[in-house]
Amino acid sequence: MWNETRDERRSALIAEMFTPEATYTDPLGAVHGHEGIDGFIAGAQAQFAGLSFSLPAAPDAHHDLARFQWHPSRGPNHPRATRAGLAKPGAATGIRRAERLEPEALPTLSPAPRGA
């Protein structure tokens, strides 16, 4: 949906993926509902014209959370940044809450001390 620039198609994808009361939180803003998410994505597409978004791997899910990484890029020969996010499914189908995280916000795991 982040790569979809046709308004009607992007709106349909958002309705398929998110619950009606879904929220999306990002360092650039926080929005609520299908229209809010759609407007945020349209604004990001305008602000960052030419970027495409890809997932380097399938999301890692457990309990009621899904963790994912994504890459914004201007093409295969351009450097890619790595970003991360969390998604929480709703009681029915669809994502109820999604958040963008900066990689430095993710905890670094240290090995357990010997004998632990």
N, C-alpha and C. Protein backbone atom coordinates (compact mmCIF):
# COMPACT_ATOMS: atom_id res chain seq x y z
N MET A 1 0.82 -1.19 0.00
CA MET A 1 0.00 0.00 0.00
C MET A 1 0.86 1.26 0.00
N TRP A 2 2.06 1.18 0.59
CA TRP A 2 2.93 2.37 0.62
C TRP A 2 3.45 2.71 -0.76
N ASN A 3 3.51 1.75 -1.66
CA ASN A 3 3.96 2.00 -3.03
C ASN A 3 2.82 2.33 -3.98
N GLU A 4 1.60 2.19 -3.54
CA GLU A 4 0.44 2.42 -4.40
C GLU A 4 0.12 3.91 -4.47
N THR A 5 0.22 4.47 -5.65
CA THR A 5 -0.02 5.91 -5.83
C THR A 5 -1.42 6.22 -6.36
N ARG A 6 -2.14 5.19 -6.82
CA ARG A 6 -3.52 5.42 -7.27
C ARG A 6 -4.40 5.50 -6.02
N ASP A 7 -5.04 6.65 -5.83
CA ASP A 7 -5.81 6.92 -4.61
C ASP A 7 -6.83 5.83 -4.28
N GLU A 8 -7.65 5.47 -5.25
CA GLU A 8 -8.72 4.49 -5.00
C GLU A 8 -8.15 3.14 -4.62
N ARG A 9 -7.10 2.71 -5.30
CA ARG A 9 -6.49 1.40 -5.00
C ARG A 9 -5.83 1.42 -3.62
N ARG A 10 -5.13 2.51 -3.30
CA ARG A 10 -4.49 2.61 -1.98
C ARG A 10 -5.55 2.58 -0.88
N SER A 11 -6.65 3.30 -1.05
CA SER A 11 -7.73 3.29 -0.07
C SER A 11 -8.30 1.89 0.12
N ALA A 12 -8.47 1.15 -0.98
CA ALA A 12 -8.99 -0.22 -0.89
C ALA A 12 -8.01 -1.13 -0.14
N LEU A 13 -6.71 -0.98 -0.40
CA LEU A 13 -5.71 -1.78 0.30
C LEU A 13 -5.71 -1.49 1.80
N ILE A 14 -5.84 -0.22 2.14
CA ILE A 14 -5.88 0.16 3.56
C ILE A 14 -7.11 -0.46 4.23
N ALA A 15 -8.25 -0.42 3.56
CA ALA A 15 -9.48 -1.00 4.11
C ALA A 15 -9.34 -2.51 4.29
N GLU A 16 -8.58 -3.17 3.42
CA GLU A 16 -8.35 -4.61 3.55
C GLU A 16 -7.40 -4.94 4.70
N MET A 17 -6.42 -4.08 4.94
CA MET A 17 -5.36 -4.40 5.89
C MET A 17 -5.61 -3.88 7.31
N PHE A 18 -6.36 -2.80 7.45
CA PHE A 18 -6.53 -2.17 8.76
C PHE A 18 -7.98 -2.23 9.22
N THR A 19 -8.18 -2.34 10.53
CA THR A 19 -9.53 -2.24 11.08
C THR A 19 -9.98 -0.78 10.95
N PRO A 20 -11.29 -0.51 10.97
CA PRO A 20 -11.76 0.88 10.82
C PRO A 20 -11.24 1.83 11.90
N GLU A 21 -10.97 1.34 13.10
CA GLU A 21 -10.50 2.20 14.19
C GLU A 21 -8.97 2.20 14.32
N ALA A 22 -8.28 1.67 13.32
CA ALA A 22 -6.82 1.54 13.39
C ALA A 22 -6.12 2.88 13.59
N THR A 23 -4.95 2.81 14.22
CA THR A 23 -4.10 3.99 14.37
C THR A 23 -2.74 3.69 13.75
N TYR A 24 -2.09 4.73 13.27
CA TYR A 24 -0.72 4.64 12.76
C TYR A 24 0.06 5.77 13.42
N THR A 25 1.17 5.40 14.06
CA THR A 25 2.02 6.37 14.75
C THR A 25 3.41 6.34 14.14
N ASP A 26 3.94 7.50 13.87
CA ASP A 26 5.22 7.66 13.18
C ASP A 26 5.88 8.90 13.78
N PRO A 27 7.20 9.01 13.75
CA PRO A 27 7.81 10.25 14.26
C PRO A 27 7.29 11.52 13.58
N LEU A 28 6.72 11.37 12.38
CA LEU A 28 6.19 12.53 11.66
C LEU A 28 4.74 12.83 11.96
N GLY A 29 4.05 11.95 12.72
CA GLY A 29 2.66 12.21 13.04
C GLY A 29 1.94 10.98 13.53
N ALA A 30 0.70 11.17 13.96
CA ALA A 30 -0.16 10.08 14.41
C ALA A 30 -1.54 10.29 13.81
N VAL A 31 -2.11 9.23 13.25
CA VAL A 31 -3.40 9.33 12.59
C VAL A 31 -4.31 8.20 13.03
N HIS A 32 -5.60 8.36 12.74
CA HIS A 32 -6.62 7.41 13.17
C HIS A 32 -7.57 7.11 12.02
N GLY A 33 -7.94 5.84 11.86
CA GLY A 33 -8.93 5.44 10.86
C GLY A 33 -8.36 5.34 9.45
N HIS A 34 -9.17 4.74 8.58
CA HIS A 34 -8.74 4.52 7.20
C HIS A 34 -8.38 5.82 6.50
N GLU A 35 -9.22 6.85 6.64
CA GLU A 35 -8.94 8.12 5.96
C GLU A 35 -7.67 8.77 6.49
N GLY A 36 -7.45 8.71 7.80
CA GLY A 36 -6.24 9.28 8.37
C GLY A 36 -4.98 8.58 7.88
N ILE A 37 -5.02 7.24 7.84
CA ILE A 37 -3.87 6.47 7.35
C ILE A 37 -3.63 6.76 5.88
N ASP A 38 -4.70 6.80 5.10
CA ASP A 38 -4.57 7.08 3.67
C ASP A 38 -3.98 8.47 3.44
N GLY A 39 -4.46 9.46 4.17
CA GLY A 39 -3.93 10.81 4.03
C GLY A 39 -2.47 10.89 4.43
N PHE A 40 -2.08 10.16 5.48
CA PHE A 40 -0.69 10.16 5.92
C PHE A 40 0.21 9.56 4.84
N ILE A 41 -0.22 8.43 4.27
CA ILE A 41 0.59 7.78 3.22
C ILE A 41 0.68 8.67 1.99
N ALA A 42 -0.43 9.29 1.58
CA ALA A 42 -0.41 10.20 0.42
C ALA A 42 0.55 11.36 0.68
N GLY A 43 0.54 11.89 1.90
CA GLY A 43 1.45 12.98 2.24
C GLY A 43 2.90 12.54 2.22
N ALA A 44 3.18 11.33 2.72
CA ALA A 44 4.55 10.81 2.70
C ALA A 44 5.01 10.59 1.27
N GLN A 45 4.12 10.09 0.42
CA GLN A 45 4.48 9.89 -0.98
C GLN A 45 4.81 11.22 -1.66
N ALA A 46 4.08 12.27 -1.33
CA ALA A 46 4.36 13.58 -1.91
C ALA A 46 5.67 14.14 -1.37
N GLN A 47 5.90 13.97 -0.07
CA GLN A 47 7.10 14.51 0.55
C GLN A 47 8.35 13.75 0.11
N PHE A 48 8.23 12.45 -0.06
CA PHE A 48 9.38 11.61 -0.41
C PHE A 48 9.18 10.99 -1.79
N ALA A 49 8.81 11.81 -2.76
CA ALA A 49 8.53 11.34 -4.12
C ALA A 49 9.71 10.54 -4.67
N GLY A 50 9.39 9.43 -5.31
CA GLY A 50 10.42 8.60 -5.93
C GLY A 50 10.89 7.45 -5.06
N LEU A 51 10.53 7.45 -3.77
CA LEU A 51 10.94 6.34 -2.91
C LEU A 51 9.99 5.17 -3.09
N SER A 52 10.53 3.98 -3.00
CA SER A 52 9.70 2.77 -2.93
C SER A 52 10.05 2.06 -1.64
N PHE A 53 9.15 1.23 -1.19
CA PHE A 53 9.31 0.57 0.10
C PHE A 53 9.26 -0.94 -0.09
N SER A 54 10.15 -1.65 0.61
CA SER A 54 10.18 -3.11 0.50
C SER A 54 10.46 -3.72 1.87
N LEU A 55 10.01 -4.95 2.04
CA LEU A 55 10.29 -5.72 3.24
C LEU A 55 11.43 -6.68 2.94
N PRO A 56 12.51 -6.68 3.74
CA PRO A 56 13.62 -7.60 3.48
C PRO A 56 13.32 -9.03 3.90
N ALA A 57 12.32 -9.22 4.75
CA ALA A 57 11.96 -10.55 5.23
C ALA A 57 10.52 -10.52 5.72
N ALA A 58 9.97 -11.68 5.98
CA ALA A 58 8.61 -11.77 6.51
C ALA A 58 8.58 -11.22 7.94
N PRO A 59 7.46 -10.64 8.36
CA PRO A 59 7.35 -10.16 9.74
C PRO A 59 7.54 -11.29 10.74
N ASP A 60 8.05 -10.93 11.89
CA ASP A 60 8.25 -11.86 13.01
C ASP A 60 7.09 -11.64 13.96
N ALA A 61 6.22 -12.63 14.10
CA ALA A 61 5.02 -12.45 14.91
C ALA A 61 4.99 -13.39 16.10
N HIS A 62 4.49 -12.89 17.21
CA HIS A 62 4.20 -13.72 18.37
C HIS A 62 3.11 -13.04 19.18
N HIS A 63 2.35 -13.84 19.89
CA HIS A 63 1.21 -13.36 20.67
C HIS A 63 0.36 -12.43 19.81
N ASP A 64 0.24 -11.19 20.20
CA ASP A 64 -0.60 -10.28 19.43
C ASP A 64 0.20 -9.14 18.82
N LEU A 65 1.49 -9.39 18.54
CA LEU A 65 2.34 -8.37 17.93
C LEU A 65 3.08 -8.93 16.72
N ALA A 66 3.32 -8.09 15.76
CA ALA A 66 4.14 -8.44 14.61
C ALA A 66 5.22 -7.37 14.48
N ARG A 67 6.46 -7.79 14.38
CA ARG A 67 7.59 -6.87 14.22
C ARG A 67 8.09 -7.02 12.79
N PHE A 68 8.40 -5.91 12.16
CA PHE A 68 8.85 -5.98 10.78
C PHE A 68 9.92 -4.92 10.52
N GLN A 69 10.72 -5.16 9.50
CA GLN A 69 11.68 -4.18 9.01
C GLN A 69 11.27 -3.81 7.60
N TRP A 70 11.63 -2.62 7.18
CA TRP A 70 11.35 -2.19 5.83
C TRP A 70 12.44 -1.25 5.37
N HIS A 71 12.57 -1.17 4.05
CA HIS A 71 13.59 -0.33 3.43
C HIS A 71 12.95 0.70 2.52
N PRO A 72 13.20 1.99 2.76
CA PRO A 72 12.85 2.99 1.74
C PRO A 72 14.04 3.11 0.78
N SER A 73 13.78 3.17 -0.51
CA SER A 73 14.88 3.21 -1.47
C SER A 73 14.45 3.95 -2.73
N ARG A 74 15.43 4.50 -3.42
CA ARG A 74 15.17 5.15 -4.72
C ARG A 74 15.51 4.21 -5.88
N GLY A 75 15.84 2.97 -5.60
CA GLY A 75 16.14 2.00 -6.64
C GLY A 75 17.23 1.05 -6.19
N PRO A 76 17.50 0.03 -7.01
CA PRO A 76 18.45 -1.01 -6.60
C PRO A 76 19.89 -0.51 -6.44
N ASN A 77 20.27 0.57 -7.08
CA ASN A 77 21.65 1.05 -6.98
C ASN A 77 21.82 2.18 -5.97
N HIS A 78 20.80 2.46 -5.21
CA HIS A 78 20.87 3.52 -4.20
C HIS A 78 20.93 2.89 -2.81
N PRO A 79 21.65 3.51 -1.91
CA PRO A 79 21.71 2.97 -0.55
C PRO A 79 20.32 2.91 0.07
N ARG A 80 20.13 1.91 0.90
CA ARG A 80 18.85 1.75 1.57
C ARG A 80 19.02 1.96 3.07
N ALA A 81 18.08 2.63 3.64
CA ALA A 81 18.02 2.76 5.09
C ALA A 81 17.17 1.60 5.61
N THR A 82 17.38 1.23 6.84
CA THR A 82 16.54 0.21 7.45
C THR A 82 15.68 0.87 8.50
N ARG A 83 14.40 0.59 8.45
CA ARG A 83 13.45 1.09 9.43
C ARG A 83 12.74 -0.12 10.03
N ALA A 84 12.08 0.09 11.13
CA ALA A 84 11.39 -1.00 11.80
C ALA A 84 10.03 -0.55 12.26
N GLY A 85 9.15 -1.49 12.53
CA GLY A 85 7.82 -1.16 13.01
C GLY A 85 7.21 -2.31 13.77
N LEU A 86 6.12 -2.00 14.46
CA LEU A 86 5.32 -2.99 15.17
C LEU A 86 3.88 -2.87 14.69
N ALA A 87 3.20 -3.98 14.61
CA ALA A 87 1.78 -3.97 14.26
C ALA A 87 1.04 -4.87 15.25
N LYS A 88 -0.15 -4.45 15.61
CA LYS A 88 -0.98 -5.21 16.54
C LYS A 88 -2.30 -5.49 15.84
N PRO A 89 -2.58 -6.80 15.59
CA PRO A 89 -3.84 -7.13 14.93
C PRO A 89 -5.04 -6.80 15.82
N GLY A 90 -6.18 -6.55 15.20
CA GLY A 90 -7.42 -6.32 15.93
C GLY A 90 -8.07 -7.65 16.30
N ALA A 91 -9.16 -7.58 17.04
CA ALA A 91 -9.87 -8.79 17.45
C ALA A 91 -10.42 -9.52 16.23
N ALA A 92 -10.87 -8.77 15.23
CA ALA A 92 -11.32 -9.39 13.98
C ALA A 92 -10.10 -9.48 13.06
N THR A 93 -10.28 -9.34 11.81
CA THR A 93 -9.14 -9.35 10.91
C THR A 93 -8.67 -7.93 10.69
N GLY A 94 -7.41 -7.77 10.42
CA GLY A 94 -6.86 -6.46 10.14
C GLY A 94 -5.97 -5.94 11.25
N ILE A 95 -5.17 -4.97 10.91
CA ILE A 95 -4.25 -4.35 11.85
C ILE A 95 -4.99 -3.27 12.62
N ARG A 96 -4.85 -3.30 13.93
CA ARG A 96 -5.50 -2.30 14.78
C ARG A 96 -4.56 -1.14 15.08
N ARG A 97 -3.27 -1.42 15.19
CA ARG A 97 -2.31 -0.37 15.52
C ARG A 97 -1.00 -0.68 14.81
N ALA A 98 -0.39 0.33 14.22
CA ALA A 98 0.92 0.19 13.59
C ALA A 98 1.78 1.37 14.02
N GLU A 99 3.05 1.10 14.26
CA GLU A 99 3.98 2.13 14.70
C GLU A 99 5.30 1.99 13.97
N ARG A 100 5.88 3.10 13.60
CA ARG A 100 7.21 3.10 13.01
C ARG A 100 8.20 3.36 14.12
N LEU A 101 9.26 2.59 14.14
CA LEU A 101 10.33 2.75 15.11
C LEU A 101 11.62 3.05 14.39
N GLU A 102 12.47 3.83 15.00
CA GLU A 102 13.81 4.03 14.48
C GLU A 102 14.66 2.85 14.95
N PRO A 103 15.59 2.34 14.12
CA PRO A 103 16.38 1.18 14.52
C PRO A 103 17.08 1.36 15.86
N GLU A 104 17.53 2.57 16.16
CA GLU A 104 18.22 2.78 17.43
C GLU A 104 17.26 2.67 18.62
N ALA A 105 15.95 2.66 18.38
CA ALA A 105 14.99 2.50 19.46
C ALA A 105 14.78 1.03 19.82
N LEU A 106 15.28 0.13 18.97
CA LEU A 106 15.11 -1.30 19.24
C LEU A 106 16.17 -1.74 20.24
N PRO A 107 15.80 -2.56 21.23
CA PRO A 107 16.78 -2.99 22.21
C PRO A 107 17.83 -3.90 21.60
N THR A 108 19.04 -3.79 22.09
CA THR A 108 20.12 -4.68 21.70
C THR A 108 20.21 -5.76 22.77
N LEU A 109 20.18 -6.98 22.35
CA LEU A 109 20.23 -8.07 23.30
C LEU A 109 21.68 -8.45 23.56
N SER A 110 22.03 -8.59 24.80
CA SER A 110 23.36 -9.02 25.20
C SER A 110 23.30 -10.48 25.58
N PRO A 111 24.40 -11.22 25.38
CA PRO A 111 24.39 -12.62 25.80
C PRO A 111 24.18 -12.72 27.30
N ALA A 112 23.51 -13.79 27.71
CA ALA A 112 23.29 -14.03 29.14
C ALA A 112 24.62 -14.32 29.81
N PRO A 113 24.81 -13.85 31.04
CA PRO A 113 26.05 -14.15 31.75
C PRO A 113 26.22 -15.66 31.92
N ARG A 114 27.46 -16.10 31.96
CA ARG A 114 27.74 -17.53 32.17
C ARG A 114 27.10 -17.99 33.46
N GLY A 115 26.53 -19.16 33.44
CA GLY A 115 25.93 -19.72 34.64
C GLY A 115 24.52 -19.22 34.90
N ALA A 116 24.01 -18.38 34.02
CA ALA A 116 22.65 -17.85 34.23
C ALA A 116 21.62 -18.81 33.76
